[in-house]
Amino acid sequence: MPGTVTKVFFHEGEAVDEGDVPVAIEAMKMETVIRAERVC
């Protein structure tokens, strides 16, 4: 399902740990958070 990134919770260069929420997307009027699967 296509969606739009509505929020970005990290800045470029910041460490992202497993389970963190780096972005939120919106599709069909519903907002969904995307969790990191691994450390980046």
C-alpha atoms as a PDB file:
ATOM      1  CA  MET A   1       0.000   0.000   0.000  1.00  0.00           C
ATOM      2  CA  PRO A   2       1.519   3.385  -0.917  1.00  0.00           C
ATOM      3  CA  GLY A   3       2.090   5.808   1.929  1.00  0.00           C
ATOM      4  CA  THR A   4       3.710   9.122   2.790  1.00  0.00           C
ATOM      5  CA  VAL A   5       6.437   9.681   5.379  1.00  0.00           C
ATOM      6  CA  THR A   6       4.852  12.111   7.850  1.00  0.00           C
ATOM      7  CA  LYS A   7       7.439  12.239  10.657  1.00  0.00           C
ATOM      8  CA  VAL A   8      11.175  11.584  10.915  1.00  0.00           C
ATOM      9  CA  PHE A   9      12.405  11.123  14.497  1.00  0.00           C
ATOM     10  CA  PHE A  10      16.186  10.993  13.870  1.00  0.00           C
ATOM     11  CA  HIS A  11      18.678  13.344  12.245  1.00  0.00           C
ATOM     12  CA  GLU A  12      21.258  12.279   9.687  1.00  0.00           C
ATOM     13  CA  GLY A  13      24.199  10.542  11.350  1.00  0.00           C
ATOM     14  CA  GLU A  14      22.350   9.592  14.568  1.00  0.00           C
ATOM     15  CA  ALA A  15      22.592   5.985  15.744  1.00  0.00           C
ATOM     16  CA  VAL A  16      19.424   3.894  15.502  1.00  0.00           C
ATOM     17  CA  ASP A  17      19.057   0.904  17.821  1.00  0.00           C
ATOM     18  CA  GLU A  18      16.915  -2.180  17.323  1.00  0.00           C
ATOM     19  CA  GLY A  19      13.291  -1.381  18.166  1.00  0.00           C
ATOM     20  CA  ASP A  20      13.655   2.412  17.749  1.00  0.00           C
ATOM     21  CA  VAL A  21      11.047   4.263  15.690  1.00  0.00           C
ATOM     22  CA  PRO A  22      12.887   6.269  13.000  1.00  0.00           C
ATOM     23  CA  VAL A  23       9.840   7.210  10.874  1.00  0.00           C
ATOM     24  CA  ALA A  24       6.044   7.305  10.772  1.00  0.00           C
ATOM     25  CA  ILE A  25       4.062   6.842   7.574  1.00  0.00           C
ATOM     26  CA  GLU A  26       0.477   7.670   6.698  1.00  0.00           C
ATOM     27  CA  ALA A  27      -1.666   5.658   4.313  1.00  0.00           C
ATOM     28  CA  MET A  28      -5.450   5.776   3.980  1.00  0.00           C
ATOM     29  CA  LYS A  29      -5.735   8.285   6.902  1.00  0.00           C
ATOM     30  CA  MET A  30      -3.947   5.878   9.291  1.00  0.00           C
ATOM     31  CA  GLU A  31      -0.533   6.620  10.791  1.00  0.00           C
ATOM     32  CA  THR A  32       1.847   3.693  11.302  1.00  0.00           C
ATOM     33  CA  VAL A  33       5.278   3.750  12.931  1.00  0.00           C
ATOM     34  CA  ILE A  34       8.118   1.760  11.429  1.00  0.00           C
ATOM     35  CA  ARG A  35      10.517   0.099  13.887  1.00  0.00           C
ATOM     36  CA  ALA A  36      14.178  -0.623  13.162  1.00  0.00           C
ATOM     37  CA  GLU A  37      14.886  -4.355  12.835  1.00  0.00           C
ATOM     38  CA  ARG A  38      18.580  -3.973  13.653  1.00  0.00           C
ATOM     39  CA  VAL A  39      21.182  -1.466  14.825  1.00  0.00           C
ATOM     40  CA  CYS A  40      22.132   1.004  12.085  1.00  0.00           C
END
